[in-house]
């Protein structure tokens, strides 16, 4: 079984379609943040919703949670101005059914990787989707955010940082496939990973896609903070 690991699509239809078309995989693993920052939340959510079930396992990201929160219950203080405004954009485009899909996504999920052991899936950290598991996070912080939740697991698959990495934490392999829709390492190519249970092998990949087409949609639709969003998308700033 080949699992395609993706995260942080952030409403980037061109990047998501390119990865799904190019990758060799049997089942999709989505690690959260379908929406915000990009111009196309509706088709991105539909692609993931249509894949859910036997074809895919999905977990909720913090932006998915934010969009699915009723405006009167939403607390903007934690979020950046860009995130608050793009979540408002996403809510305005999504149907009630699409919002309910995001709201119903689980915070965590599990995978049986055969001889590779078991994997725990989440977006930010097992302790909280709003926590970041950076590749250089101090060991003591890793222990606080991870250890109480991962006994018996061989892998922890996460997203949230928009950075591709693998890190050994004791017996646990922490894997972030990077961001499909908004990498923040200066490389605008879509990031993803594939885990092959037959080979017990993990591989990372980066893929070119028509990023300028996505950026032009942001401009044409006059999305909030369009210039800033395009700079990040094109790899010109973190």
C-alpha atoms as a PDB file:
ATOM      1  CA  UNK A   1       0.000   0.000   0.000  1.00  0.00           C
ATOM      2  CA  UNK A   2       1.292   3.417  -0.956  1.00  0.00           C
ATOM      3  CA  UNK A   3       0.009   6.316   1.140  1.00  0.00           C
ATOM      4  CA  UNK A   4       0.168   9.813  -0.285  1.00  0.00           C
ATOM      5  CA  UNK A   5       0.776  12.242   2.589  1.00  0.00           C
ATOM      6  CA  UNK A   6      -0.378  15.814   2.007  1.00  0.00           C
ATOM      7  CA  UNK A   7      -1.146  18.803   4.216  1.00  0.00           C
ATOM      8  CA  UNK A   8      -1.953  22.498   4.055  1.00  0.00           C
ATOM      9  CA  UNK A   9      -3.582  22.715   0.637  1.00  0.00           C
ATOM     10  CA  UNK A  10      -4.998  26.106   1.648  1.00  0.00           C
ATOM     11  CA  UNK A  11      -7.532  26.465  -1.170  1.00  0.00           C
ATOM     12  CA  UNK A  12      -4.889  25.990  -3.877  1.00  0.00           C
ATOM     13  CA  UNK A  13      -6.684  23.978  -6.531  1.00  0.00           C
ATOM     14  CA  UNK A  14      -3.869  23.979  -9.083  1.00  0.00           C
ATOM     15  CA  UNK A  15      -1.349  22.576  -6.611  1.00  0.00           C
ATOM     16  CA  UNK A  16      -3.711  19.909  -5.285  1.00  0.00           C
ATOM     17  CA  UNK A  17      -4.730  18.715  -8.729  1.00  0.00           C
ATOM     18  CA  UNK A  18      -1.106  18.557  -9.860  1.00  0.00           C
ATOM     19  CA  UNK A  19      -0.028  16.447  -6.890  1.00  0.00           C
ATOM     20  CA  UNK A  20      -2.963  14.055  -7.131  1.00  0.00           C
ATOM     21  CA  UNK A  21      -2.280  13.567 -10.845  1.00  0.00           C
ATOM     22  CA  UNK A  22       1.477  13.069 -10.517  1.00  0.00           C
ATOM     23  CA  UNK A  23       1.864  10.976  -7.367  1.00  0.00           C
ATOM     24  CA  UNK A  24       1.892   7.177  -7.405  1.00  0.00           C
ATOM     25  CA  UNK A  25      -0.323   6.100  -4.510  1.00  0.00           C
ATOM     26  CA  UNK A  26      -3.169   3.844  -3.370  1.00  0.00           C
ATOM     27  CA  UNK A  27      -4.677   5.895  -0.564  1.00  0.00           C
ATOM     28  CA  UNK A  28      -4.658   9.553   0.389  1.00  0.00           C
ATOM     29  CA  UNK A  29      -3.694  10.848   3.827  1.00  0.00           C
ATOM     30  CA  UNK A  30      -4.723  14.468   4.381  1.00  0.00           C
ATOM     31  CA  UNK A  31      -3.232  16.187   7.425  1.00  0.00           C
ATOM     32  CA  UNK A  32      -5.415  19.264   7.653  1.00  0.00           C
ATOM     33  CA  UNK A  33      -5.931  22.861   6.488  1.00  0.00           C
ATOM     34  CA  UNK A  34      -7.907  22.463   3.306  1.00  0.00           C
ATOM     35  CA  UNK A  35      -8.905  26.119   3.243  1.00  0.00           C
ATOM     36  CA  UNK A  36      -7.809  29.762   3.629  1.00  0.00           C
ATOM     37  CA  UNK A  37      -5.080  31.843   2.002  1.00  0.00           C
ATOM     38  CA  UNK A  38      -5.891  30.522  -1.500  1.00  0.00           C
ATOM     39  CA  UNK A  39      -8.675  31.400  -3.948  1.00  0.00           C
ATOM     40  CA  UNK A  40     -10.522  28.078  -4.398  1.00  0.00           C
ATOM     41  CA  UNK A  41     -11.901  26.643  -1.155  1.00  0.00           C
ATOM     42  CA  UNK A  42     -14.987  25.099  -2.797  1.00  0.00           C
ATOM     43  CA  UNK A  43     -13.352  22.716  -5.319  1.00  0.00           C
ATOM     44  CA  UNK A  44     -10.563  21.828  -2.876  1.00  0.00           C
ATOM     45  CA  UNK A  45     -13.088  20.816  -0.221  1.00  0.00           C
ATOM     46  CA  UNK A  46     -15.095  18.877  -2.788  1.00  0.00           C
ATOM     47  CA  UNK A  47     -12.044  16.899  -3.931  1.00  0.00           C
ATOM     48  CA  UNK A  48     -11.232  15.905  -0.361  1.00  0.00           C
ATOM     49  CA  UNK A  49     -14.852  15.191   0.525  1.00  0.00           C
ATOM     50  CA  UNK A  50     -15.251  12.944  -2.530  1.00  0.00           C
ATOM     51  CA  UNK A  51     -12.088  11.035  -1.586  1.00  0.00           C
ATOM     52  CA  UNK A  52     -13.088  10.474   2.045  1.00  0.00           C
ATOM     53  CA  UNK A  53     -13.780   6.926   3.177  1.00  0.00           C
ATOM     54  CA  UNK A  54     -11.992   3.958   1.675  1.00  0.00           C
ATOM     55  CA  UNK A  55      -9.922   6.165  -0.635  1.00  0.00           C
ATOM     56  CA  UNK A  56      -8.650   8.592   1.981  1.00  0.00           C
ATOM     57  CA  UNK A  57      -8.191   9.293   5.674  1.00  0.00           C
ATOM     58  CA  UNK A  58      -8.453  12.945   6.687  1.00  0.00           C
ATOM     59  CA  UNK A  59      -7.979  15.034   9.813  1.00  0.00           C
ATOM     60  CA  UNK A  60      -8.981  18.588  10.657  1.00  0.00           C
ATOM     61  CA  UNK A  61      -6.606  21.526  10.572  1.00  0.00           C
ATOM     62  CA  UNK A  62      -6.868  24.654  12.670  1.00  0.00           C
ATOM     63  CA  UNK A  63      -7.998  26.687   9.656  1.00  0.00           C
ATOM     64  CA  UNK A  64     -10.641  24.084   8.850  1.00  0.00           C
ATOM     65  CA  UNK A  65     -11.864  24.433  12.418  1.00  0.00           C
ATOM     66  CA  UNK A  66     -11.802  28.227  12.168  1.00  0.00           C
ATOM     67  CA  UNK A  67     -13.878  28.326   9.003  1.00  0.00           C
ATOM     68  CA  UNK A  68     -16.331  25.799  10.434  1.00  0.00           C
ATOM     69  CA  UNK A  69     -16.842  27.917  13.559  1.00  0.00           C
ATOM     70  CA  UNK A  70     -19.953  30.093  13.457  1.00  0.00           C
ATOM     71  CA  UNK A  71     -19.012  33.785  13.063  1.00  0.00           C
ATOM     72  CA  UNK A  72     -20.677  34.689  16.357  1.00  0.00           C
ATOM     73  CA  UNK A  73     -18.543  32.073  18.154  1.00  0.00           C
ATOM     74  CA  UNK A  74     -15.287  32.775  16.334  1.00  0.00           C
ATOM     75  CA  UNK A  75     -12.521  34.299  18.458  1.00  0.00           C
ATOM     76  CA  UNK A  76     -10.186  36.351  16.229  1.00  0.00           C
ATOM     77  CA  UNK A  77      -7.629  37.250  18.911  1.00  0.00           C
ATOM     78  CA  UNK A  78      -5.518  34.122  18.351  1.00  0.00           C
ATOM     79  CA  UNK A  79      -5.329  34.587  14.574  1.00  0.00           C
ATOM     80  CA  UNK A  80      -3.353  36.899  12.321  1.00  0.00           C
ATOM     81  CA  UNK A  81      -5.221  39.578  10.401  1.00  0.00           C
ATOM     82  CA  UNK A  82      -4.501  37.730   7.149  1.00  0.00           C
ATOM     83  CA  UNK A  83      -5.983  34.499   8.511  1.00  0.00           C
ATOM     84  CA  UNK A  84      -9.080  36.220   9.906  1.00  0.00           C
ATOM     85  CA  UNK A  85      -9.806  37.958   6.611  1.00  0.00           C
ATOM     86  CA  UNK A  86      -9.165  34.933   4.403  1.00  0.00           C
ATOM     87  CA  UNK A  87     -11.323  32.755   6.639  1.00  0.00           C
ATOM     88  CA  UNK A  88     -14.105  35.241   6.081  1.00  0.00           C
ATOM     89  CA  UNK A  89     -13.475  34.882   2.325  1.00  0.00           C
ATOM     90  CA  UNK A  90     -13.638  31.079   2.581  1.00  0.00           C
ATOM     91  CA  UNK A  91     -16.854  31.133   4.609  1.00  0.00           C
ATOM     92  CA  UNK A  92     -18.433  33.347   1.998  1.00  0.00           C
ATOM     93  CA  UNK A  93     -17.719  30.872  -0.790  1.00  0.00           C
ATOM     94  CA  UNK A  94     -18.410  27.531   0.887  1.00  0.00           C
ATOM     95  CA  UNK A  95     -21.827  25.909   1.032  1.00  0.00           C
ATOM     96  CA  UNK A  96     -23.405  24.784   4.283  1.00  0.00           C
ATOM     97  CA  UNK A  97     -22.600  21.183   3.404  1.00  0.00           C
ATOM     98  CA  UNK A  98     -18.950  21.984   2.742  1.00  0.00           C
ATOM     99  CA  UNK A  99     -18.641  23.797   6.067  1.00  0.00           C
ATOM    100  CA  UNK A 100     -20.269  20.870   7.855  1.00  0.00           C
ATOM    101  CA  UNK A 101     -17.752  18.534   6.218  1.00  0.00           C
ATOM    102  CA  UNK A 102     -14.864  20.590   7.608  1.00  0.00           C
ATOM    103  CA  UNK A 103     -16.513  20.736  11.025  1.00  0.00           C
ATOM    104  CA  UNK A 104     -16.932  16.951  11.157  1.00  0.00           C
ATOM    105  CA  UNK A 105     -13.315  16.107  10.357  1.00  0.00           C
ATOM    106  CA  UNK A 106     -11.617  14.342  13.289  1.00  0.00           C
ATOM    107  CA  UNK A 107      -8.691  15.913  15.111  1.00  0.00           C
ATOM    108  CA  UNK A 108      -6.698  12.677  14.953  1.00  0.00           C
ATOM    109  CA  UNK A 109      -6.747   9.382  13.088  1.00  0.00           C
ATOM    110  CA  UNK A 110      -4.680   6.204  12.984  1.00  0.00           C
ATOM    111  CA  UNK A 111      -3.144   4.063  10.256  1.00  0.00           C
ATOM    112  CA  UNK A 112      -1.925   0.479  10.312  1.00  0.00           C
ATOM    113  CA  UNK A 113       1.279   0.463   8.260  1.00  0.00           C
ATOM    114  CA  UNK A 114       1.808  -3.282   8.478  1.00  0.00           C
ATOM    115  CA  UNK A 115       5.407  -4.144   9.276  1.00  0.00           C
ATOM    116  CA  UNK A 116       6.047  -0.394   9.605  1.00  0.00           C
ATOM    117  CA  UNK A 117       3.897  -0.247  12.732  1.00  0.00           C
ATOM    118  CA  UNK A 118       1.132   2.254  13.459  1.00  0.00           C
ATOM    119  CA  UNK A 119       0.902   5.922  12.581  1.00  0.00           C
ATOM    120  CA  UNK A 120      -0.909   8.669  14.464  1.00  0.00           C
ATOM    121  CA  UNK A 121      -2.226  11.483  12.282  1.00  0.00           C
ATOM    122  CA  UNK A 122      -2.880  15.063  13.351  1.00  0.00           C
ATOM    123  CA  UNK A 123      -2.423  18.568  12.006  1.00  0.00           C
ATOM    124  CA  UNK A 124      -0.419  20.540  14.546  1.00  0.00           C
ATOM    125  CA  UNK A 125       0.543  18.321  17.478  1.00  0.00           C
ATOM    126  CA  UNK A 126      -1.253  15.546  19.343  1.00  0.00           C
ATOM    127  CA  UNK A 127      -1.667  17.910  22.292  1.00  0.00           C
ATOM    128  CA  UNK A 128      -3.291  20.656  20.208  1.00  0.00           C
ATOM    129  CA  UNK A 129      -3.827  21.540  16.550  1.00  0.00           C
ATOM    130  CA  UNK A 130      -2.620  25.045  17.316  1.00  0.00           C
ATOM    131  CA  UNK A 131       0.807  23.862  18.446  1.00  0.00           C
ATOM    132  CA  UNK A 132       3.671  23.637  15.949  1.00  0.00           C
ATOM    133  CA  UNK A 133       6.077  20.719  15.700  1.00  0.00           C
ATOM    134  CA  UNK A 134       9.013  22.531  14.101  1.00  0.00           C
ATOM    135  CA  UNK A 135      11.925  20.424  12.824  1.00  0.00           C
ATOM    136  CA  UNK A 136      14.261  22.055  15.384  1.00  0.00           C
ATOM    137  CA  UNK A 137      11.865  22.125  18.330  1.00  0.00           C
ATOM    138  CA  UNK A 138      13.693  21.518  21.646  1.00  0.00           C
ATOM    139  CA  UNK A 139      13.415  17.901  22.869  1.00  0.00           C
ATOM    140  CA  UNK A 140      11.702  18.942  26.092  1.00  0.00           C
ATOM    141  CA  UNK A 141       8.961  20.720  24.152  1.00  0.00           C
ATOM    142  CA  UNK A 142       8.573  17.732  21.862  1.00  0.00           C
ATOM    143  CA  UNK A 143       8.119  15.487  24.876  1.00  0.00           C
ATOM    144  CA  UNK A 144       5.420  17.790  26.285  1.00  0.00           C
ATOM    145  CA  UNK A 145       3.458  17.946  23.034  1.00  0.00           C
ATOM    146  CA  UNK A 146       3.923  14.374  21.849  1.00  0.00           C
ATOM    147  CA  UNK A 147       4.854  11.717  24.389  1.00  0.00           C
ATOM    148  CA  UNK A 148       1.574  11.321  26.276  1.00  0.00           C
ATOM    149  CA  UNK A 149      -0.282  10.660  23.016  1.00  0.00           C
ATOM    150  CA  UNK A 150       1.984   8.403  20.968  1.00  0.00           C
ATOM    151  CA  UNK A 151       2.666   5.288  23.028  1.00  0.00           C
ATOM    152  CA  UNK A 152       2.571   2.286  20.721  1.00  0.00           C
ATOM    153  CA  UNK A 153       2.986   4.335  17.548  1.00  0.00           C
ATOM    154  CA  UNK A 154       5.960   4.181  15.197  1.00  0.00           C
ATOM    155  CA  UNK A 155       5.077   7.284  13.197  1.00  0.00           C
ATOM    156  CA  UNK A 156       3.529  10.668  13.786  1.00  0.00           C
ATOM    157  CA  UNK A 157       2.313  12.322  10.574  1.00  0.00           C
ATOM    158  CA  UNK A 158       1.704  16.068  10.944  1.00  0.00           C
ATOM    159  CA  UNK A 159       1.300  19.305   8.966  1.00  0.00           C
ATOM    160  CA  UNK A 160       0.862  22.933  10.090  1.00  0.00           C
ATOM    161  CA  UNK A 161       4.443  24.243   9.731  1.00  0.00           C
ATOM    162  CA  UNK A 162       4.383  24.258   5.892  1.00  0.00           C
ATOM    163  CA  UNK A 163       7.877  22.736   6.074  1.00  0.00           C
ATOM    164  CA  UNK A 164       8.966  19.318   4.865  1.00  0.00           C
ATOM    165  CA  UNK A 165      10.933  17.248   7.351  1.00  0.00           C
ATOM    166  CA  UNK A 166      11.473  13.938   9.117  1.00  0.00           C
ATOM    167  CA  UNK A 167      12.688  13.865  12.702  1.00  0.00           C
ATOM    168  CA  UNK A 168      13.434  10.991  15.032  1.00  0.00           C
ATOM    169  CA  UNK A 169      11.989  11.495  18.510  1.00  0.00           C
ATOM    170  CA  UNK A 170      12.951   8.496  20.599  1.00  0.00           C
ATOM    171  CA  UNK A 171      11.334   5.488  18.903  1.00  0.00           C
ATOM    172  CA  UNK A 172       8.938   7.786  17.002  1.00  0.00           C
ATOM    173  CA  UNK A 173       9.467   9.057  13.446  1.00  0.00           C
ATOM    174  CA  UNK A 174       7.828  12.474  13.098  1.00  0.00           C
ATOM    175  CA  UNK A 175       7.031  13.232   9.454  1.00  0.00           C
ATOM    176  CA  UNK A 176       5.742  16.428   7.880  1.00  0.00           C
ATOM    177  CA  UNK A 177       5.144  16.153   4.108  1.00  0.00           C
ATOM    178  CA  UNK A 178       5.265  19.928   3.697  1.00  0.00           C
ATOM    179  CA  UNK A 179       2.581  22.141   2.251  1.00  0.00           C
ATOM    180  CA  UNK A 180       0.819  21.373  -1.011  1.00  0.00           C
ATOM    181  CA  UNK A 181      -0.664  24.816  -1.432  1.00  0.00           C
ATOM    182  CA  UNK A 182       1.590  27.288   0.374  1.00  0.00           C
ATOM    183  CA  UNK A 183       5.178  26.161   1.111  1.00  0.00           C
ATOM    184  CA  UNK A 184       7.095  28.617   3.276  1.00  0.00           C
ATOM    185  CA  UNK A 185      10.688  27.577   2.714  1.00  0.00           C
ATOM    186  CA  UNK A 186      11.307  29.766  -0.337  1.00  0.00           C
ATOM    187  CA  UNK A 187      10.561  26.928  -2.772  1.00  0.00           C
ATOM    188  CA  UNK A 188       7.165  27.521  -4.420  1.00  0.00           C
ATOM    189  CA  UNK A 189       6.777  23.923  -5.594  1.00  0.00           C
ATOM    190  CA  UNK A 190       4.066  21.813  -3.957  1.00  0.00           C
ATOM    191  CA  UNK A 191       5.368  19.505  -1.237  1.00  0.00           C
ATOM    192  CA  UNK A 192       4.215  15.994  -0.406  1.00  0.00           C
ATOM    193  CA  UNK A 193       5.462  12.578   0.710  1.00  0.00           C
ATOM    194  CA  UNK A 194       4.702   8.925  -0.003  1.00  0.00           C
ATOM    195  CA  UNK A 195       5.003   6.041   2.441  1.00  0.00           C
ATOM    196  CA  UNK A 196       5.217   2.593   0.826  1.00  0.00           C
ATOM    197  CA  UNK A 197       4.300  -0.179   3.277  1.00  0.00           C
ATOM    198  CA  UNK A 198       5.669  -2.895   0.991  1.00  0.00           C
ATOM    199  CA  UNK A 199       9.118  -1.324   0.960  1.00  0.00           C
ATOM    200  CA  UNK A 200       8.906   0.328   4.376  1.00  0.00           C
ATOM    201  CA  UNK A 201      10.135   3.432   2.596  1.00  0.00           C
ATOM    202  CA  UNK A 202       9.303   7.107   3.029  1.00  0.00           C
ATOM    203  CA  UNK A 203      10.038   9.529   0.196  1.00  0.00           C
ATOM    204  CA  UNK A 204       9.621  13.294  -0.070  1.00  0.00           C
ATOM    205  CA  UNK A 205       8.841  15.128  -3.295  1.00  0.00           C
ATOM    206  CA  UNK A 206       8.405  18.635  -4.673  1.00  0.00           C
ATOM    207  CA  UNK A 207       6.361  19.348  -7.770  1.00  0.00           C
ATOM    208  CA  UNK A 208       6.080  22.317 -10.105  1.00  0.00           C
ATOM    209  CA  UNK A 209       2.549  23.466 -10.847  1.00  0.00           C
ATOM    210  CA  UNK A 210       1.059  26.602 -12.479  1.00  0.00           C
ATOM    211  CA  UNK A 211       1.577  28.763  -9.409  1.00  0.00           C
ATOM    212  CA  UNK A 212       1.172  32.000 -11.358  1.00  0.00           C
ATOM    213  CA  UNK A 213      -2.364  30.890 -12.309  1.00  0.00           C
ATOM    214  CA  UNK A 214      -3.246  30.582  -8.618  1.00  0.00           C
ATOM    215  CA  UNK A 215      -1.660  33.955  -7.879  1.00  0.00           C
ATOM    216  CA  UNK A 216      -3.604  35.588 -10.703  1.00  0.00           C
ATOM    217  CA  UNK A 217      -6.873  34.266  -9.267  1.00  0.00           C
ATOM    218  CA  UNK A 218      -5.984  35.867  -5.937  1.00  0.00           C
ATOM    219  CA  UNK A 219      -5.433  39.188  -7.686  1.00  0.00           C
ATOM    220  CA  UNK A 220      -8.478  39.005  -9.946  1.00  0.00           C
ATOM    221  CA  UNK A 221     -10.818  38.143  -7.093  1.00  0.00           C
ATOM    222  CA  UNK A 222      -9.321  40.970  -5.051  1.00  0.00           C
ATOM    223  CA  UNK A 223      -8.803  38.708  -2.081  1.00  0.00           C
ATOM    224  CA  UNK A 224      -7.862  40.454   1.169  1.00  0.00           C
ATOM    225  CA  UNK A 225      -4.077  40.885   1.493  1.00  0.00           C
ATOM    226  CA  UNK A 226      -3.640  39.755  -2.121  1.00  0.00           C
ATOM    227  CA  UNK A 227      -0.126  41.137  -2.524  1.00  0.00           C
ATOM    228  CA  UNK A 228       1.111  39.448   0.642  1.00  0.00           C
ATOM    229  CA  UNK A 229      -0.545  36.143  -0.266  1.00  0.00           C
ATOM    230  CA  UNK A 230       1.032  36.154  -3.725  1.00  0.00           C
ATOM    231  CA  UNK A 231       4.492  36.886  -2.320  1.00  0.00           C
ATOM    232  CA  UNK A 232       4.263  33.851  -0.045  1.00  0.00           C
ATOM    233  CA  UNK A 233       2.808  31.664  -2.780  1.00  0.00           C
ATOM    234  CA  UNK A 234       5.604  32.561  -5.197  1.00  0.00           C
ATOM    235  CA  UNK A 235       8.285  31.843  -2.597  1.00  0.00           C
ATOM    236  CA  UNK A 236       9.383  35.462  -2.225  1.00  0.00           C
ATOM    237  CA  UNK A 237       8.830  35.660   1.511  1.00  0.00           C
ATOM    238  CA  UNK A 238       8.129  33.317   4.458  1.00  0.00           C
END
